[in-house]
Full PDB file with SEQRES, HELIX, SHEET, SSBOND, CRYST1, ORIGX, SCALE, CONECT and MASTER records, all heavy atoms in Angstrom:
SEQRES   1 A   39  ALA PRO PRO THR ILE LEU MET GLN LEU HIS GLU GLY ASP          
SEQRES   2 A   39  SER LEU ILE LEU TYR THR ASP GLY ILE THR GLU ALA ARG          
SEQRES   3 A   39  SER ASP LYS GLY GLU GLN PHE GLY ASP HIS LYS LEU SER          
HELIX    1 AA1 ASP A   20  THR A   23  1                                   4    
HELIX    2 AA2 GLY A   34  LEU A   38  1                                   5    
CRYST1    1.000    1.000    1.000  90.00  90.00  90.00 P 1           1          
ORIGX1      1.000000  0.000000  0.000000        0.00000                         
ORIGX2      0.000000  1.000000  0.000000        0.00000                         
ORIGX3      0.000000  0.000000  1.000000        0.00000                         
SCALE1      1.000000  0.000000  0.000000        0.00000                         
SCALE2      0.000000  1.000000  0.000000        0.00000                         
SCALE3      0.000000  0.000000  1.000000        0.00000                         
ATOM      1  N   ALA A   1       7.852 -35.677 -12.860  1.00  0.00           N  
ATOM      2  CA  ALA A   1       8.142 -37.106 -12.701  1.00  0.00           C  
ATOM      3  C   ALA A   1       8.388 -37.415 -11.230  1.00  0.00           C  
ATOM      4  O   ALA A   1       9.524 -37.692 -10.815  1.00  0.00           O  
ATOM      5  CB  ALA A   1       9.347 -37.508 -13.546  1.00  0.00           C  
ATOM      6  N   PRO A   2       7.347 -37.359 -10.411  1.00  0.00           N  
ATOM      7  CA  PRO A   2       7.552 -37.666  -8.997  1.00  0.00           C  
ATOM      8  C   PRO A   2       7.951 -39.121  -8.804  1.00  0.00           C  
ATOM      9  O   PRO A   2       7.402 -40.003  -9.482  1.00  0.00           O  
ATOM     10  CB  PRO A   2       6.190 -37.378  -8.374  1.00  0.00           C  
ATOM     11  CG  PRO A   2       5.222 -37.531  -9.496  1.00  0.00           C  
ATOM     12  CD  PRO A   2       5.946 -37.059 -10.716  1.00  0.00           C  
ATOM     13  N   PRO A   3       8.896 -39.386  -7.911  1.00  0.00           N  
ATOM     14  CA  PRO A   3       9.281 -40.784  -7.670  1.00  0.00           C  
ATOM     15  C   PRO A   3       8.136 -41.564  -7.037  1.00  0.00           C  
ATOM     16  O   PRO A   3       7.313 -40.995  -6.307  1.00  0.00           O  
ATOM     17  CB  PRO A   3      10.458 -40.657  -6.710  1.00  0.00           C  
ATOM     18  CG  PRO A   3      10.247 -39.346  -6.016  1.00  0.00           C  
ATOM     19  CD  PRO A   3       9.620 -38.452  -7.050  1.00  0.00           C  
ATOM     20  N   THR A   4       8.057 -42.846  -7.341  1.00  0.00           N  
ATOM     21  CA  THR A   4       7.037 -43.694  -6.726  1.00  0.00           C  
ATOM     22  C   THR A   4       7.436 -44.013  -5.294  1.00  0.00           C  
ATOM     23  O   THR A   4       8.533 -44.497  -5.032  1.00  0.00           O  
ATOM     24  CB  THR A   4       6.860 -44.997  -7.515  1.00  0.00           C  
ATOM     25  OG1 THR A   4       6.444 -44.689  -8.853  1.00  0.00           O  
ATOM     26  CG2 THR A   4       5.809 -45.893  -6.859  1.00  0.00           C  
ATOM     27  N   ILE A   5       6.545 -43.706  -4.358  1.00  0.00           N  
ATOM     28  CA  ILE A   5       6.763 -43.983  -2.939  1.00  0.00           C  
ATOM     29  C   ILE A   5       5.999 -45.250  -2.589  1.00  0.00           C  
ATOM     30  O   ILE A   5       4.788 -45.342  -2.829  1.00  0.00           O  
ATOM     31  CB  ILE A   5       6.272 -42.808  -2.071  1.00  0.00           C  
ATOM     32  CG1 ILE A   5       6.982 -41.503  -2.458  1.00  0.00           C  
ATOM     33  CG2 ILE A   5       6.469 -43.109  -0.591  1.00  0.00           C  
ATOM     34  CD1 ILE A   5       6.351 -40.266  -1.848  1.00  0.00           C  
ATOM     35  N   LEU A   6       6.690 -46.236  -2.043  1.00  0.00           N  
ATOM     36  CA  LEU A   6       6.054 -47.497  -1.661  1.00  0.00           C  
ATOM     37  C   LEU A   6       5.760 -47.492  -0.161  1.00  0.00           C  
ATOM     38  O   LEU A   6       6.629 -47.191   0.650  1.00  0.00           O  
ATOM     39  CB  LEU A   6       6.966 -48.677  -2.004  1.00  0.00           C  
ATOM     40  CG  LEU A   6       7.326 -48.858  -3.484  1.00  0.00           C  
ATOM     41  CD1 LEU A   6       8.230 -50.074  -3.659  1.00  0.00           C  
ATOM     42  CD2 LEU A   6       6.073 -48.999  -4.342  1.00  0.00           C  
ATOM     43  N   MET A   7       4.528 -47.821   0.190  1.00  0.00           N  
ATOM     44  CA  MET A   7       4.125 -47.907   1.597  1.00  0.00           C  
ATOM     45  C   MET A   7       3.298 -49.177   1.758  1.00  0.00           C  
ATOM     46  O   MET A   7       2.390 -49.440   0.958  1.00  0.00           O  
ATOM     47  CB  MET A   7       3.310 -46.674   2.006  1.00  0.00           C  
ATOM     48  CG  MET A   7       4.023 -45.348   1.759  1.00  0.00           C  
ATOM     49  SD  MET A   7       3.011 -43.886   2.136  1.00  0.00           S  
ATOM     50  CE  MET A   7       3.097 -43.876   3.917  1.00  0.00           C  
ATOM     51  N   GLN A   8       3.608 -49.962   2.777  1.00  0.00           N  
ATOM     52  CA  GLN A   8       2.946 -51.248   2.979  1.00  0.00           C  
ATOM     53  C   GLN A   8       1.846 -51.137   4.028  1.00  0.00           C  
ATOM     54  O   GLN A   8       2.080 -50.677   5.142  1.00  0.00           O  
ATOM     55  CB  GLN A   8       3.951 -52.302   3.419  1.00  0.00           C  
ATOM     56  CG  GLN A   8       3.364 -53.683   3.664  1.00  0.00           C  
ATOM     57  CD  GLN A   8       2.858 -54.337   2.380  1.00  0.00           C  
ATOM     58  OE1 GLN A   8       3.606 -54.504   1.432  1.00  0.00           O  
ATOM     59  NE2 GLN A   8       1.583 -54.699   2.355  1.00  0.00           N  
ATOM     60  N   LEU A   9       0.639 -51.554   3.655  1.00  0.00           N  
ATOM     61  CA  LEU A   9      -0.470 -51.637   4.597  1.00  0.00           C  
ATOM     62  C   LEU A   9      -0.679 -53.077   5.029  1.00  0.00           C  
ATOM     63  O   LEU A   9      -0.630 -53.993   4.197  1.00  0.00           O  
ATOM     64  CB  LEU A   9      -1.770 -51.130   3.960  1.00  0.00           C  
ATOM     65  CG  LEU A   9      -2.074 -49.632   3.933  1.00  0.00           C  
ATOM     66  CD1 LEU A   9      -3.464 -49.424   3.355  1.00  0.00           C  
ATOM     67  CD2 LEU A   9      -1.969 -49.009   5.304  1.00  0.00           C  
ATOM     68  N   HIS A  10      -0.927 -53.260   6.320  1.00  0.00           N  
ATOM     69  CA  HIS A  10      -1.288 -54.570   6.855  1.00  0.00           C  
ATOM     70  C   HIS A  10      -2.714 -54.477   7.403  1.00  0.00           C  
ATOM     71  O   HIS A  10      -3.238 -53.379   7.627  1.00  0.00           O  
ATOM     72  CB  HIS A  10      -0.318 -54.992   7.956  1.00  0.00           C  
ATOM     73  CG  HIS A  10       1.113 -55.061   7.513  1.00  0.00           C  
ATOM     74  ND1 HIS A  10       1.627 -56.123   6.804  1.00  0.00           N  
ATOM     75  CD2 HIS A  10       2.137 -54.177   7.660  1.00  0.00           C  
ATOM     76  CE1 HIS A  10       2.907 -55.908   6.540  1.00  0.00           C  
ATOM     77  NE2 HIS A  10       3.236 -54.733   7.051  1.00  0.00           N  
ATOM     78  N   GLU A  11      -3.327 -55.610   7.621  1.00  0.00           N  
ATOM     79  CA  GLU A  11      -4.684 -55.622   8.144  1.00  0.00           C  
ATOM     80  C   GLU A  11      -4.745 -54.851   9.457  1.00  0.00           C  
ATOM     81  O   GLU A  11      -3.926 -55.056  10.357  1.00  0.00           O  
ATOM     82  CB  GLU A  11      -5.154 -57.066   8.362  1.00  0.00           C  
ATOM     83  CG  GLU A  11      -6.603 -57.165   8.802  1.00  0.00           C  
ATOM     84  CD  GLU A  11      -7.090 -58.595   8.876  1.00  0.00           C  
ATOM     85  OE1 GLU A  11      -6.365 -59.497   8.415  1.00  0.00           O  
ATOM     86  OE2 GLU A  11      -8.206 -58.800   9.394  1.00  0.00           O  
ATOM     87  N   GLY A  12      -5.709 -53.944   9.566  1.00  0.00           N  
ATOM     88  CA  GLY A  12      -5.866 -53.134  10.769  1.00  0.00           C  
ATOM     89  C   GLY A  12      -5.133 -51.810  10.725  1.00  0.00           C  
ATOM     90  O   GLY A  12      -5.338 -50.959  11.601  1.00  0.00           O  
ATOM     91  N   ASP A  13      -4.257 -51.598   9.731  1.00  0.00           N  
ATOM     92  CA  ASP A  13      -3.579 -50.310   9.568  1.00  0.00           C  
ATOM     93  C   ASP A  13      -4.523 -49.303   8.922  1.00  0.00           C  
ATOM     94  O   ASP A  13      -5.492 -49.678   8.249  1.00  0.00           O  
ATOM     95  CB  ASP A  13      -2.338 -50.449   8.678  1.00  0.00           C  
ATOM     96  CG  ASP A  13      -1.239 -51.263   9.321  1.00  0.00           C  
ATOM     97  OD1 ASP A  13      -1.286 -51.472  10.550  1.00  0.00           O  
ATOM     98  OD2 ASP A  13      -0.323 -51.692   8.585  1.00  0.00           O  
ATOM     99  N   SER A  14      -4.223 -48.027   9.107  1.00  0.00           N  
ATOM    100  CA  SER A  14      -5.028 -46.964   8.502  1.00  0.00           C  
ATOM    101  C   SER A  14      -4.121 -46.000   7.749  1.00  0.00           C  
ATOM    102  O   SER A  14      -3.025 -45.675   8.210  1.00  0.00           O  
ATOM    103  CB  SER A  14      -5.805 -46.185   9.575  1.00  0.00           C  
ATOM    104  OG  SER A  14      -6.715 -47.017  10.252  1.00  0.00           O  
ATOM    105  N   LEU A  15      -4.594 -45.536   6.606  1.00  0.00           N  
ATOM    106  CA  LEU A  15      -3.896 -44.532   5.814  1.00  0.00           C  
ATOM    107  C   LEU A  15      -4.630 -43.211   5.980  1.00  0.00           C  
ATOM    108  O   LEU A  15      -5.846 -43.147   5.811  1.00  0.00           O  
ATOM    109  CB  LEU A  15      -3.879 -44.933   4.338  1.00  0.00           C  
ATOM    110  CG  LEU A  15      -3.325 -43.894   3.352  1.00  0.00           C  
ATOM    111  CD1 LEU A  15      -1.823 -43.732   3.534  1.00  0.00           C  
ATOM    112  CD2 LEU A  15      -3.652 -44.296   1.912  1.00  0.00           C  
ATOM    113  N   ILE A  16      -3.892 -42.154   6.306  1.00  0.00           N  
ATOM    114  CA  ILE A  16      -4.494 -40.845   6.519  1.00  0.00           C  
ATOM    115  C   ILE A  16      -3.902 -39.851   5.522  1.00  0.00           C  
ATOM    116  O   ILE A  16      -2.689 -39.612   5.507  1.00  0.00           O  
ATOM    117  CB  ILE A  16      -4.275 -40.325   7.954  1.00  0.00           C  
ATOM    118  CG1 ILE A  16      -4.971 -41.229   8.973  1.00  0.00           C  
ATOM    119  CG2 ILE A  16      -4.805 -38.896   8.097  1.00  0.00           C  
ATOM    120  CD1 ILE A  16      -4.131 -42.324   9.530  1.00  0.00           C  
ATOM    121  N   LEU A  17      -4.770 -39.307   4.670  1.00  0.00           N  
ATOM    122  CA  LEU A  17      -4.402 -38.251   3.741  1.00  0.00           C  
ATOM    123  C   LEU A  17      -5.112 -36.972   4.187  1.00  0.00           C  
ATOM    124  O   LEU A  17      -6.221 -37.030   4.695  1.00  0.00           O  
ATOM    125  CB  LEU A  17      -4.816 -38.609   2.315  1.00  0.00           C  
ATOM    126  CG  LEU A  17      -4.262 -39.929   1.753  1.00  0.00           C  
ATOM    127  CD1 LEU A  17      -4.844 -40.190   0.366  1.00  0.00           C  
ATOM    128  CD2 LEU A  17      -2.747 -39.897   1.691  1.00  0.00           C  
ATOM    129  N   TYR A  18      -4.506 -35.830   3.947  1.00  0.00           N  
ATOM    130  CA  TYR A  18      -5.048 -34.584   4.467  1.00  0.00           C  
ATOM    131  C   TYR A  18      -4.516 -33.420   3.633  1.00  0.00           C  
ATOM    132  O   TYR A  18      -3.641 -33.589   2.780  1.00  0.00           O  
ATOM    133  CB  TYR A  18      -4.638 -34.406   5.934  1.00  0.00           C  
ATOM    134  CG  TYR A  18      -3.135 -34.451   6.144  1.00  0.00           C  
ATOM    135  CD1 TYR A  18      -2.396 -33.277   6.271  1.00  0.00           C  
ATOM    136  CD2 TYR A  18      -2.451 -35.667   6.173  1.00  0.00           C  
ATOM    137  CE1 TYR A  18      -1.016 -33.313   6.423  1.00  0.00           C  
ATOM    138  CE2 TYR A  18      -1.076 -35.714   6.324  1.00  0.00           C  
ATOM    139  CZ  TYR A  18      -0.368 -34.538   6.444  1.00  0.00           C  
ATOM    140  OH  TYR A  18       0.997 -34.578   6.578  1.00  0.00           O  
ATOM    141  N   THR A  19      -5.040 -32.221   3.894  1.00  0.00           N  
ATOM    142  CA  THR A  19      -4.544 -31.024   3.238  1.00  0.00           C  
ATOM    143  C   THR A  19      -3.791 -30.169   4.253  1.00  0.00           C  
ATOM    144  O   THR A  19      -3.865 -30.400   5.469  1.00  0.00           O  
ATOM    145  CB  THR A  19      -5.699 -30.204   2.637  1.00  0.00           C  
ATOM    146  OG1 THR A  19      -6.569 -29.771   3.690  1.00  0.00           O  
ATOM    147  CG2 THR A  19      -6.491 -31.038   1.634  1.00  0.00           C  
ATOM    148  N   ASP A  20      -3.089 -29.160   3.762  1.00  0.00           N  
ATOM    149  CA  ASP A  20      -2.265 -28.354   4.662  1.00  0.00           C  
ATOM    150  C   ASP A  20      -3.084 -27.438   5.566  1.00  0.00           C  
ATOM    151  O   ASP A  20      -2.519 -26.762   6.434  1.00  0.00           O  
ATOM    152  CB  ASP A  20      -1.231 -27.538   3.884  1.00  0.00           C  
ATOM    153  CG  ASP A  20      -1.854 -26.561   2.889  1.00  0.00           C  
ATOM    154  OD1 ASP A  20      -3.079 -26.365   2.924  1.00  0.00           O  
ATOM    155  OD2 ASP A  20      -1.093 -25.994   2.070  1.00  0.00           O  
ATOM    156  N   GLY A  21      -4.418 -27.427   5.392  1.00  0.00           N  
ATOM    157  CA  GLY A  21      -5.252 -26.715   6.354  1.00  0.00           C  
ATOM    158  C   GLY A  21      -5.133 -27.303   7.741  1.00  0.00           C  
ATOM    159  O   GLY A  21      -5.410 -26.625   8.739  1.00  0.00           O  
ATOM    160  N   ILE A  22      -4.721 -28.571   7.842  1.00  0.00           N  
ATOM    161  CA  ILE A  22      -4.497 -29.210   9.139  1.00  0.00           C  
ATOM    162  C   ILE A  22      -3.205 -28.703   9.764  1.00  0.00           C  
ATOM    163  O   ILE A  22      -3.200 -28.111  10.842  1.00  0.00           O  
ATOM    164  CB  ILE A  22      -4.423 -30.746   8.992  1.00  0.00           C  
ATOM    165  CG1 ILE A  22      -5.772 -31.322   8.531  1.00  0.00           C  
ATOM    166  CG2 ILE A  22      -3.975 -31.402  10.291  1.00  0.00           C  
ATOM    167  CD1 ILE A  22      -6.783 -31.454   9.619  1.00  0.00           C  
ATOM    168  N   THR A  23      -2.098 -28.960   9.112  1.00  0.00           N  
ATOM    169  CA  THR A  23      -0.788 -28.692   9.718  1.00  0.00           C  
ATOM    170  C   THR A  23      -0.474 -27.202   9.825  1.00  0.00           C  
ATOM    171  O   THR A  23       0.336 -26.803  10.671  1.00  0.00           O  
ATOM    172  CB  THR A  23       0.323 -29.392   8.921  1.00  0.00           C  
ATOM    173  OG1 THR A  23       0.191 -29.074   7.532  1.00  0.00           O  
ATOM    174  CG2 THR A  23       0.210 -30.910   9.084  1.00  0.00           C  
ATOM    175  N   GLU A  24      -1.098 -26.361   8.994  1.00  0.00           N  
ATOM    176  CA  GLU A  24      -0.808 -24.932   9.033  1.00  0.00           C  
ATOM    177  C   GLU A  24      -1.791 -24.148   9.901  1.00  0.00           C  
ATOM    178  O   GLU A  24      -1.668 -22.922  10.022  1.00  0.00           O  
ATOM    179  CB  GLU A  24      -0.805 -24.358   7.615  1.00  0.00           C  
ATOM    180  CG  GLU A  24       0.342 -24.899   6.769  1.00  0.00           C  
ATOM    181  CD  GLU A  24       0.353 -24.328   5.359  1.00  0.00           C  
ATOM    182  OE1 GLU A  24      -0.525 -23.491   5.058  1.00  0.00           O  
ATOM    183  OE2 GLU A  24       1.229 -24.726   4.572  1.00  0.00           O  
ATOM    184  N   ALA A  25      -2.753 -24.835  10.517  1.00  0.00           N  
ATOM    185  CA  ALA A  25      -3.684 -24.163  11.417  1.00  0.00           C  
ATOM    186  C   ALA A  25      -2.910 -23.573  12.596  1.00  0.00           C  
ATOM    187  O   ALA A  25      -2.024 -24.222  13.159  1.00  0.00           O  
ATOM    188  CB  ALA A  25      -4.741 -25.149  11.913  1.00  0.00           C  
ATOM    189  N   ARG A  26      -3.233 -22.350  12.976  1.00  0.00           N  
ATOM    190  CA  ARG A  26      -2.466 -21.636  14.004  1.00  0.00           C  
ATOM    191  C   ARG A  26      -3.278 -21.442  15.286  1.00  0.00           C  
ATOM    192  O   ARG A  26      -4.494 -21.261  15.255  1.00  0.00           O  
ATOM    193  CB  ARG A  26      -2.006 -20.269  13.481  1.00  0.00           C  
ATOM    194  CG  ARG A  26      -1.004 -20.370  12.338  1.00  0.00           C  
ATOM    195  CD  ARG A  26      -0.512 -19.000  11.895  1.00  0.00           C  
ATOM    196  NE  ARG A  26       0.448 -19.114  10.803  1.00  0.00           N  
ATOM    197  CZ  ARG A  26       1.758 -19.297  10.975  1.00  0.00           C  
ATOM    198  NH1 ARG A  26       2.250 -19.377  12.210  1.00  0.00           N  
ATOM    199  NH2 ARG A  26       2.567 -19.408   9.942  1.00  0.00           N  
ATOM    200  N   SER A  27      -2.565 -21.468  16.400  1.00  0.00           N  
ATOM    201  CA  SER A  27      -3.163 -21.161  17.688  1.00  0.00           C  
ATOM    202  C   SER A  27      -3.268 -19.647  17.838  1.00  0.00           C  
ATOM    203  O   SER A  27      -2.798 -18.887  16.981  1.00  0.00           O  
ATOM    204  CB  SER A  27      -2.299 -21.731  18.817  1.00  0.00           C  
ATOM    205  OG  SER A  27      -1.061 -21.025  18.883  1.00  0.00           O  
ATOM    206  N   ASP A  28      -3.860 -19.195  18.938  1.00  0.00           N  
ATOM    207  CA  ASP A  28      -3.960 -17.753  19.152  1.00  0.00           C  
ATOM    208  C   ASP A  28      -2.600 -17.120  19.422  1.00  0.00           C  
ATOM    209  O   ASP A  28      -2.458 -15.898  19.433  1.00  0.00           O  
ATOM    210  CB  ASP A  28      -4.932 -17.442  20.289  1.00  0.00           C  
ATOM    211  CG  ASP A  28      -4.626 -18.235  21.556  1.00  0.00           C  
ATOM    212  OD1 ASP A  28      -3.566 -18.904  21.613  1.00  0.00           O  
ATOM    213  OD2 ASP A  28      -5.438 -18.183  22.485  1.00  0.00           O  
ATOM    214  N   LYS A  29      -1.559 -17.969  19.616  1.00  0.00           N  
ATOM    215  CA  LYS A  29      -0.197 -17.470  19.780  1.00  0.00           C  
ATOM    216  C   LYS A  29       0.595 -17.541  18.475  1.00  0.00           C  
ATOM    217  O   LYS A  29       1.789 -17.243  18.455  1.00  0.00           O  
ATOM    218  CB  LYS A  29       0.533 -18.274  20.859  1.00  0.00           C  
ATOM    219  CG  LYS A  29      -0.081 -18.137  22.248  1.00  0.00           C  
ATOM    220  CD  LYS A  29       0.706 -18.945  23.269  1.00  0.00           C  
ATOM    221  CE  LYS A  29       0.086 -18.802  24.660  1.00  0.00           C  
ATOM    222  NZ  LYS A  29       0.823 -19.618  25.674  1.00  0.00           N  
ATOM    223  N   GLY A  30      -0.078 -17.965  17.404  1.00  0.00           N  
ATOM    224  CA  GLY A  30       0.575 -18.031  16.112  1.00  0.00           C  
ATOM    225  C   GLY A  30       1.332 -19.313  15.839  1.00  0.00           C  
ATOM    226  O   GLY A  30       2.021 -19.425  14.825  1.00  0.00           O  
ATOM    227  N   GLU A  31       1.196 -20.320  16.717  1.00  0.00           N  
ATOM    228  CA  GLU A  31       1.899 -21.584  16.539  1.00  0.00           C  
ATOM    229  C   GLU A  31       1.107 -22.498  15.614  1.00  0.00           C  
ATOM    230  O   GLU A  31      -0.099 -22.659  15.770  1.00  0.00           O  
ATOM    231  CB  GLU A  31       2.114 -22.270  17.888  1.00  0.00           C  
ATOM    232  CG  GLU A  31       2.953 -21.460  18.868  1.00  0.00           C  
ATOM    233  CD  GLU A  31       2.977 -22.081  20.246  1.00  0.00           C  
ATOM    234  OE1 GLU A  31       2.122 -22.966  20.509  1.00  0.00           O  
ATOM    235  OE2 GLU A  31       3.830 -21.689  21.060  1.00  0.00           O  
ATOM    236  N   GLN A  32       1.806 -23.114  14.656  1.00  0.00           N  
ATOM    237  CA  GLN A  32       1.150 -24.044  13.748  1.00  0.00           C  
ATOM    238  C   GLN A  32       0.874 -25.382  14.434  1.00  0.00           C  
ATOM    239  O   GLN A  32       1.602 -25.787  15.338  1.00  0.00           O  
ATOM    240  CB  GLN A  32       2.004 -24.267  12.501  1.00  0.00           C  
ATOM    241  CG  GLN A  32       2.070 -23.065  11.576  1.00  0.00           C  
ATOM    242  CD  GLN A  32       2.692 -23.398  10.236  1.00  0.00           C  
ATOM    243  OE1 GLN A  32       3.337 -24.426  10.067  1.00  0.00           O  
ATOM    244  NE2 GLN A  32       2.488 -22.529   9.248  1.00  0.00           N  
ATOM    245  N   PHE A  33      -0.185 -26.044  13.965  1.00  0.00           N  
ATOM    246  CA  PHE A  33      -0.517 -27.377  14.481  1.00  0.00           C  
ATOM    247  C   PHE A  33       0.630 -28.337  14.181  1.00  0.00           C  
ATOM    248  O   PHE A  33       1.088 -29.077  15.060  1.00  0.00           O  
ATOM    249  CB  PHE A  33      -1.816 -27.854  13.838  1.00  0.00           C  
ATOM    250  CG  PHE A  33      -2.424 -29.065  14.480  1.00  0.00           C  
ATOM    251  CD1 PHE A  33      -2.891 -29.031  15.776  1.00  0.00           C  
ATOM    252  CD2 PHE A  33      -2.545 -30.246  13.765  1.00  0.00           C  
ATOM    253  CE1 PHE A  33      -3.459 -30.151  16.373  1.00  0.00           C  
ATOM    254  CE2 PHE A  33      -3.123 -31.375  14.340  1.00  0.00           C  
ATOM    255  CZ  PHE A  33      -3.583 -31.318  15.644  1.00  0.00           C  
ATOM    256  N   GLY A  34       1.091 -28.348  12.947  1.00  0.00           N  
ATOM    257  CA  GLY A  34       2.303 -29.072  12.574  1.00  0.00           C  
ATOM    258  C   GLY A  34       2.163 -30.578  12.498  1.00  0.00           C  
ATOM    259  O   GLY A  34       1.166 -31.176  12.915  1.00  0.00           O  
ATOM    260  N   ASP A  35       3.211 -31.206  11.955  1.00  0.00           N  
ATOM    261  CA  ASP A  35       3.222 -32.660  11.779  1.00  0.00           C  
ATOM    262  C   ASP A  35       3.217 -33.398  13.111  1.00  0.00           C  
ATOM    263  O   ASP A  35       2.612 -34.465  13.236  1.00  0.00           O  
ATOM    264  CB  ASP A  35       4.453 -33.088  10.972  1.00  0.00           C  
ATOM    265  CG  ASP A  35       4.409 -32.598   9.539  1.00  0.00           C  
ATOM    266  OD1 ASP A  35       3.308 -32.297   9.044  1.00  0.00           O  
ATOM    267  OD2 ASP A  35       5.480 -32.530   8.906  1.00  0.00           O  
ATOM    268  N   HIS A  36       3.918 -32.848  14.122  1.00  0.00           N  
ATOM    269  CA  HIS A  36       4.043 -33.560  15.396  1.00  0.00           C  
ATOM    270  C   HIS A  36       2.695 -33.693  16.091  1.00  0.00           C  
ATOM    271  O   HIS A  36       2.324 -34.783  16.547  1.00  0.00           O  
ATOM    272  CB  HIS A  36       5.044 -32.833  16.293  1.00  0.00           C  
ATOM    273  CG  HIS A  36       5.252 -33.497  17.624  1.00  0.00           C  
ATOM    274  ND1 HIS A  36       5.796 -34.763  17.743  1.00  0.00           N  
ATOM    275  CD2 HIS A  36       4.968 -33.080  18.895  1.00  0.00           C  
ATOM    276  CE1 HIS A  36       5.861 -35.098  19.024  1.00  0.00           C  
ATOM    277  NE2 HIS A  36       5.359 -34.102  19.739  1.00  0.00           N  
ATOM    278  N   LYS A  37       1.944 -32.604  16.161  1.00  0.00           N  
ATOM    279  CA  LYS A  37       0.637 -32.672  16.813  1.00  0.00           C  
ATOM    280  C   LYS A  37      -0.340 -33.508  15.995  1.00  0.00           C  
ATOM    281  O   LYS A  37      -1.201 -34.190  16.559  1.00  0.00           O  
ATOM    282  CB  LYS A  37       0.082 -31.267  17.044  1.00  0.00           C  
ATOM    283  CG  LYS A  37       0.769 -30.532  18.192  1.00  0.00           C  
ATOM    284  CD  LYS A  37       0.030 -29.252  18.546  1.00  0.00           C  
ATOM    285  CE  LYS A  37       0.652 -28.603  19.767  1.00  0.00           C  
ATOM    286  NZ  LYS A  37      -0.051 -27.352  20.169  1.00  0.00           N  
ATOM    287  N   LEU A  38      -0.206 -33.459  14.686  1.00  0.00           N  
ATOM    288  CA  LEU A  38      -1.058 -34.304  13.849  1.00  0.00           C  
ATOM    289  C   LEU A  38      -0.762 -35.772  14.127  1.00  0.00           C  
ATOM    290  O   LEU A  38      -1.683 -36.586  14.278  1.00  0.00           O  
ATOM    291  CB  LEU A  38      -0.838 -33.994  12.377  1.00  0.00           C  
ATOM    292  CG  LEU A  38      -1.582 -34.884  11.377  1.00  0.00           C  
ATOM    293  CD1 LEU A  38      -3.086 -34.872  11.636  1.00  0.00           C  
ATOM    294  CD2 LEU A  38      -1.282 -34.452   9.948  1.00  0.00           C  
ATOM    295  N   SER A  39       0.514 -36.126  14.210  1.00  0.00           N  
ATOM    296  CA  SER A  39       0.891 -37.506  14.501  1.00  0.00           C  
ATOM    297  C   SER A  39       0.348 -37.941  15.861  1.00  0.00           C  
ATOM    298  O   SER A  39      -0.148 -39.065  16.017  1.00  0.00           O  
ATOM    299  CB  SER A  39       2.425 -37.645  14.471  1.00  0.00           C  
ATOM    300  OG  SER A  39       2.818 -38.959  14.796  1.00  0.00           O  
TER     301      SER A  39                                                      
MASTER        0    0    0    2    0    0    0    6  300    1    0    3          
END                                                                             
């Protein structure tokens, strides 16, 4: 029973959905891409 999350879109806004292959991608030093770099 996941809670309903409300998010408001306005004209010109964009919604981005993705998989964890983005945020968990690692550099050659083992650092994850993470939410901050994605943002």
